[in-house]
C-alpha cells in the first residue's frame, strides 16, 4: 500500500480549507484517509501562526514509515524544516509553443517585407 501525505479540501465554494492527511494513494482526494495530522488555511496571511497547524511528531513518524508527500505538502514541510525539497526550474515552460513561434516568425517576416517595400515606394 502506497501512502501519501496530502491535502483534503474542505470549506465552502471559493473559501478553501485543507486538512493534512495520511491516505492511501488510490483513495479519492476528499475520501477516506488513515489519519489527520493537521490543517492548512491558504486564505490567512503567510506569516499567520495558525495558517498551518501540523503535528510534527506524527509527520516525522509517517515520513520514516515511507509516506510520500505531494508537491504542495512537501513545500509546507520544507517551510517547517521537516524535510528538504529541491527547487524546481523549468526555463522552457515560459517559452511559446510551436504554433505560437510559427505565427511570430510569420509576423516578423511580414513586417520585414513591409519595411523593405516602404522605402522603395
C-alpha atoms as a PDB file:
ATOM      1  CA  UNK A   1       0.000   0.000   0.000  1.00  0.00           C
ATOM      2  CA  UNK A   2       1.451   3.332  -1.104  1.00  0.00           C
ATOM      3  CA  UNK A   3       0.843   6.105   1.409  1.00  0.00           C
ATOM      4  CA  UNK A   4       0.644   9.801   0.633  1.00  0.00           C
ATOM      5  CA  UNK A   5       0.708  12.845   2.866  1.00  0.00           C
ATOM      6  CA  UNK A   6      -1.681  15.139   1.059  1.00  0.00           C
ATOM      7  CA  UNK A   7      -4.295  17.853   1.373  1.00  0.00           C
ATOM      8  CA  UNK A   8      -8.007  17.029   1.572  1.00  0.00           C
ATOM      9  CA  UNK A   9     -10.152  20.012   0.603  1.00  0.00           C
ATOM     10  CA  UNK A  10     -12.934  21.304   2.759  1.00  0.00           C
ATOM     11  CA  UNK A  11     -14.654  24.642   3.139  1.00  0.00           C
ATOM     12  CA  UNK A  12     -17.216  26.440   1.043  1.00  0.00           C
ATOM     13  CA  UNK A  13     -17.080  27.438  -2.591  1.00  0.00           C
ATOM     14  CA  UNK A  14     -14.242  29.925  -3.179  1.00  0.00           C
ATOM     15  CA  UNK A  15     -13.243  29.572   0.515  1.00  0.00           C
ATOM     16  CA  UNK A  16     -10.814  26.621   0.582  1.00  0.00           C
ATOM     17  CA  UNK A  17      -9.669  24.949   3.760  1.00  0.00           C
ATOM     18  CA  UNK A  18      -7.467  21.876   3.757  1.00  0.00           C
ATOM     19  CA  UNK A  19      -6.800  19.008   6.158  1.00  0.00           C
ATOM     20  CA  UNK A  20      -3.325  17.487   6.018  1.00  0.00           C
ATOM     21  CA  UNK A  21      -3.989  13.751   5.962  1.00  0.00           C
ATOM     22  CA  UNK A  22      -2.264  10.425   5.504  1.00  0.00           C
ATOM     23  CA  UNK A  23      -4.118   8.434   2.850  1.00  0.00           C
ATOM     24  CA  UNK A  24      -3.745   5.514   0.502  1.00  0.00           C
ATOM     25  CA  UNK A  25      -2.666   6.866  -2.880  1.00  0.00           C
ATOM     26  CA  UNK A  26      -5.611   5.111  -4.551  1.00  0.00           C
ATOM     27  CA  UNK A  27      -8.291   6.776  -2.415  1.00  0.00           C
ATOM     28  CA  UNK A  28     -10.021   9.944  -3.679  1.00  0.00           C
ATOM     29  CA  UNK A  29      -8.769  13.404  -2.704  1.00  0.00           C
ATOM     30  CA  UNK A  30     -11.537  14.103  -0.194  1.00  0.00           C
ATOM     31  CA  UNK A  31     -12.279  10.459   0.523  1.00  0.00           C
ATOM     32  CA  UNK A  32     -11.135   8.002   3.137  1.00  0.00           C
ATOM     33  CA  UNK A  33      -7.915   8.712   4.977  1.00  0.00           C
ATOM     34  CA  UNK A  34      -5.901   6.946   7.653  1.00  0.00           C
ATOM     35  CA  UNK A  35      -5.058   9.832   9.946  1.00  0.00           C
ATOM     36  CA  UNK A  36      -5.446  13.600  10.098  1.00  0.00           C
ATOM     37  CA  UNK A  37      -2.205  15.266  11.170  1.00  0.00           C
ATOM     38  CA  UNK A  38      -3.078  18.932  10.761  1.00  0.00           C
ATOM     39  CA  UNK A  39      -4.758  21.614   8.694  1.00  0.00           C
ATOM     40  CA  UNK A  40      -3.834  24.390   6.279  1.00  0.00           C
ATOM     41  CA  UNK A  41      -5.780  27.613   5.671  1.00  0.00           C
ATOM     42  CA  UNK A  42      -4.480  29.333   2.499  1.00  0.00           C
ATOM     43  CA  UNK A  43      -6.695  32.392   2.989  1.00  0.00           C
ATOM     44  CA  UNK A  44      -4.790  33.547   6.053  1.00  0.00           C
ATOM     45  CA  UNK A  45      -1.720  35.764   5.841  1.00  0.00           C
ATOM     46  CA  UNK A  46       1.527  33.971   5.013  1.00  0.00           C
ATOM     47  CA  UNK A  47       3.046  34.937   8.359  1.00  0.00           C
ATOM     48  CA  UNK A  48      -0.022  33.983  10.434  1.00  0.00           C
ATOM     49  CA  UNK A  49       0.792  31.413  13.114  1.00  0.00           C
ATOM     50  CA  UNK A  50      -2.366  29.363  12.513  1.00  0.00           C
ATOM     51  CA  UNK A  51      -2.107  29.249   8.690  1.00  0.00           C
ATOM     52  CA  UNK A  52      -0.537  25.786   9.004  1.00  0.00           C
ATOM     53  CA  UNK A  53      -1.098  23.680  12.119  1.00  0.00           C
ATOM     54  CA  UNK A  54       0.678  20.339  11.959  1.00  0.00           C
ATOM     55  CA  UNK A  55       1.554  17.605  14.421  1.00  0.00           C
ATOM     56  CA  UNK A  56       5.264  17.456  13.552  1.00  0.00           C
ATOM     57  CA  UNK A  57       5.906  14.266  15.520  1.00  0.00           C
ATOM     58  CA  UNK A  58       3.254  12.377  13.562  1.00  0.00           C
ATOM     59  CA  UNK A  59       4.526  13.832  10.292  1.00  0.00           C
ATOM     60  CA  UNK A  60       8.081  12.678  11.067  1.00  0.00           C
ATOM     61  CA  UNK A  61       6.803   9.237  12.029  1.00  0.00           C
ATOM     62  CA  UNK A  62       4.855   8.838   8.781  1.00  0.00           C
ATOM     63  CA  UNK A  63       7.812  10.067   6.722  1.00  0.00           C
ATOM     64  CA  UNK A  64      10.027   7.431   8.329  1.00  0.00           C
ATOM     65  CA  UNK A  65       7.371   4.796   7.550  1.00  0.00           C
ATOM     66  CA  UNK A  66       7.667   5.716   3.879  1.00  0.00           C
ATOM     67  CA  UNK A  67       4.725   8.044   3.263  1.00  0.00           C
ATOM     68  CA  UNK A  68       5.425  10.291   0.278  1.00  0.00           C
ATOM     69  CA  UNK A  69       4.284  13.932   0.486  1.00  0.00           C
ATOM     70  CA  UNK A  70       2.667  15.586  -2.508  1.00  0.00           C
ATOM     71  CA  UNK A  71       4.348  18.636  -4.035  1.00  0.00           C
ATOM     72  CA  UNK A  72       2.342  21.165  -2.015  1.00  0.00           C
ATOM     73  CA  UNK A  73       2.738  19.270   1.250  1.00  0.00           C
ATOM     74  CA  UNK A  74       6.473  18.900   0.584  1.00  0.00           C
ATOM     75  CA  UNK A  75       6.653  22.685   0.237  1.00  0.00           C
ATOM     76  CA  UNK A  76       4.812  23.121   3.534  1.00  0.00           C
ATOM     77  CA  UNK A  77       7.043  20.591   5.293  1.00  0.00           C
ATOM     78  CA  UNK A  78      10.108  22.330   3.880  1.00  0.00           C
ATOM     79  CA  UNK A  79       8.856  25.594   5.376  1.00  0.00           C
ATOM     80  CA  UNK A  80       8.686  23.897   8.773  1.00  0.00           C
ATOM     81  CA  UNK A  81      12.123  22.353   8.350  1.00  0.00           C
ATOM     82  CA  UNK A  82      10.910  18.735   8.426  1.00  0.00           C
ATOM     83  CA  UNK A  83      12.310  17.831   5.017  1.00  0.00           C
ATOM     84  CA  UNK A  84      14.408  19.288   2.226  1.00  0.00           C
ATOM     85  CA  UNK A  85      12.734  19.988  -1.104  1.00  0.00           C
ATOM     86  CA  UNK A  86      14.728  20.597  -4.258  1.00  0.00           C
ATOM     87  CA  UNK A  87      13.890  23.828  -6.041  1.00  0.00           C
ATOM     88  CA  UNK A  88      12.315  23.295  -9.425  1.00  0.00           C
ATOM     89  CA  UNK A  89      13.337  25.247 -12.504  1.00  0.00           C
ATOM     90  CA  UNK A  90      11.931  24.788 -15.970  1.00  0.00           C
ATOM     91  CA  UNK A  91      13.081  27.659 -18.199  1.00  0.00           C
ATOM     92  CA  UNK A  92      11.364  26.126 -21.250  1.00  0.00           C
ATOM     93  CA  UNK A  93       7.945  26.434 -19.621  1.00  0.00           C
ATOM     94  CA  UNK A  94       7.711  30.165 -20.297  1.00  0.00           C
ATOM     95  CA  UNK A  95       8.664  29.858 -23.968  1.00  0.00           C
ATOM     96  CA  UNK A  96       5.909  29.947 -26.602  1.00  0.00           C
ATOM     97  CA  UNK A  97       4.776  26.660 -28.066  1.00  0.00           C
ATOM     98  CA  UNK A  98       5.424  25.571 -31.665  1.00  0.00           C
ATOM     99  CA  UNK A  99       2.386  27.215 -33.317  1.00  0.00           C
ATOM    100  CA  UNK A 100       2.930  30.498 -31.484  1.00  0.00           C
ATOM    101  CA  UNK A 101       6.571  30.515 -32.608  1.00  0.00           C
ATOM    102  CA  UNK A 102       5.449  29.903 -36.200  1.00  0.00           C
ATOM    103  CA  UNK A 103       2.945  32.790 -36.003  1.00  0.00           C
ATOM    104  CA  UNK A 104       5.582  35.103 -34.536  1.00  0.00           C
ATOM    105  CA  UNK A 105       8.055  34.155 -37.275  1.00  0.00           C
ATOM    106  CA  UNK A 106       5.416  34.764 -39.956  1.00  0.00           C
ATOM    107  CA  UNK A 107       4.516  38.133 -38.439  1.00  0.00           C
ATOM    108  CA  UNK A 108       8.182  39.142 -38.277  1.00  0.00           C
ATOM    109  CA  UNK A 109       8.661  38.074 -41.902  1.00  0.00           C
ATOM    110  CA  UNK A 110       5.602  40.086 -42.992  1.00  0.00           C
ATOM    111  CA  UNK A 111       6.814  43.121 -41.051  1.00  0.00           C
ATOM    112  CA  UNK A 112      10.258  42.773 -42.641  1.00  0.00           C
ATOM    113  CA  UNK A 113       8.743  42.552 -46.103  1.00  0.00           C
ATOM    114  CA  UNK A 114       6.551  45.602 -45.459  1.00  0.00           C
ATOM    115  CA  UNK A 115       9.551  47.573 -44.197  1.00  0.00           C
ATOM    116  CA  UNK A 116      11.566  46.598 -47.278  1.00  0.00           C
ATOM    117  CA  UNK A 117       8.808  47.788 -49.645  1.00  0.00           C
ATOM    118  CA  UNK A 118       8.119  51.059 -47.832  1.00  0.00           C
ATOM    119  CA  UNK A 119      11.431  52.830 -48.647  1.00  0.00           C
ATOM    120  CA  UNK A 120      11.307  51.666 -52.286  1.00  0.00           C
ATOM    121  CA  UNK A 121       7.886  53.253 -52.862  1.00  0.00           C
END
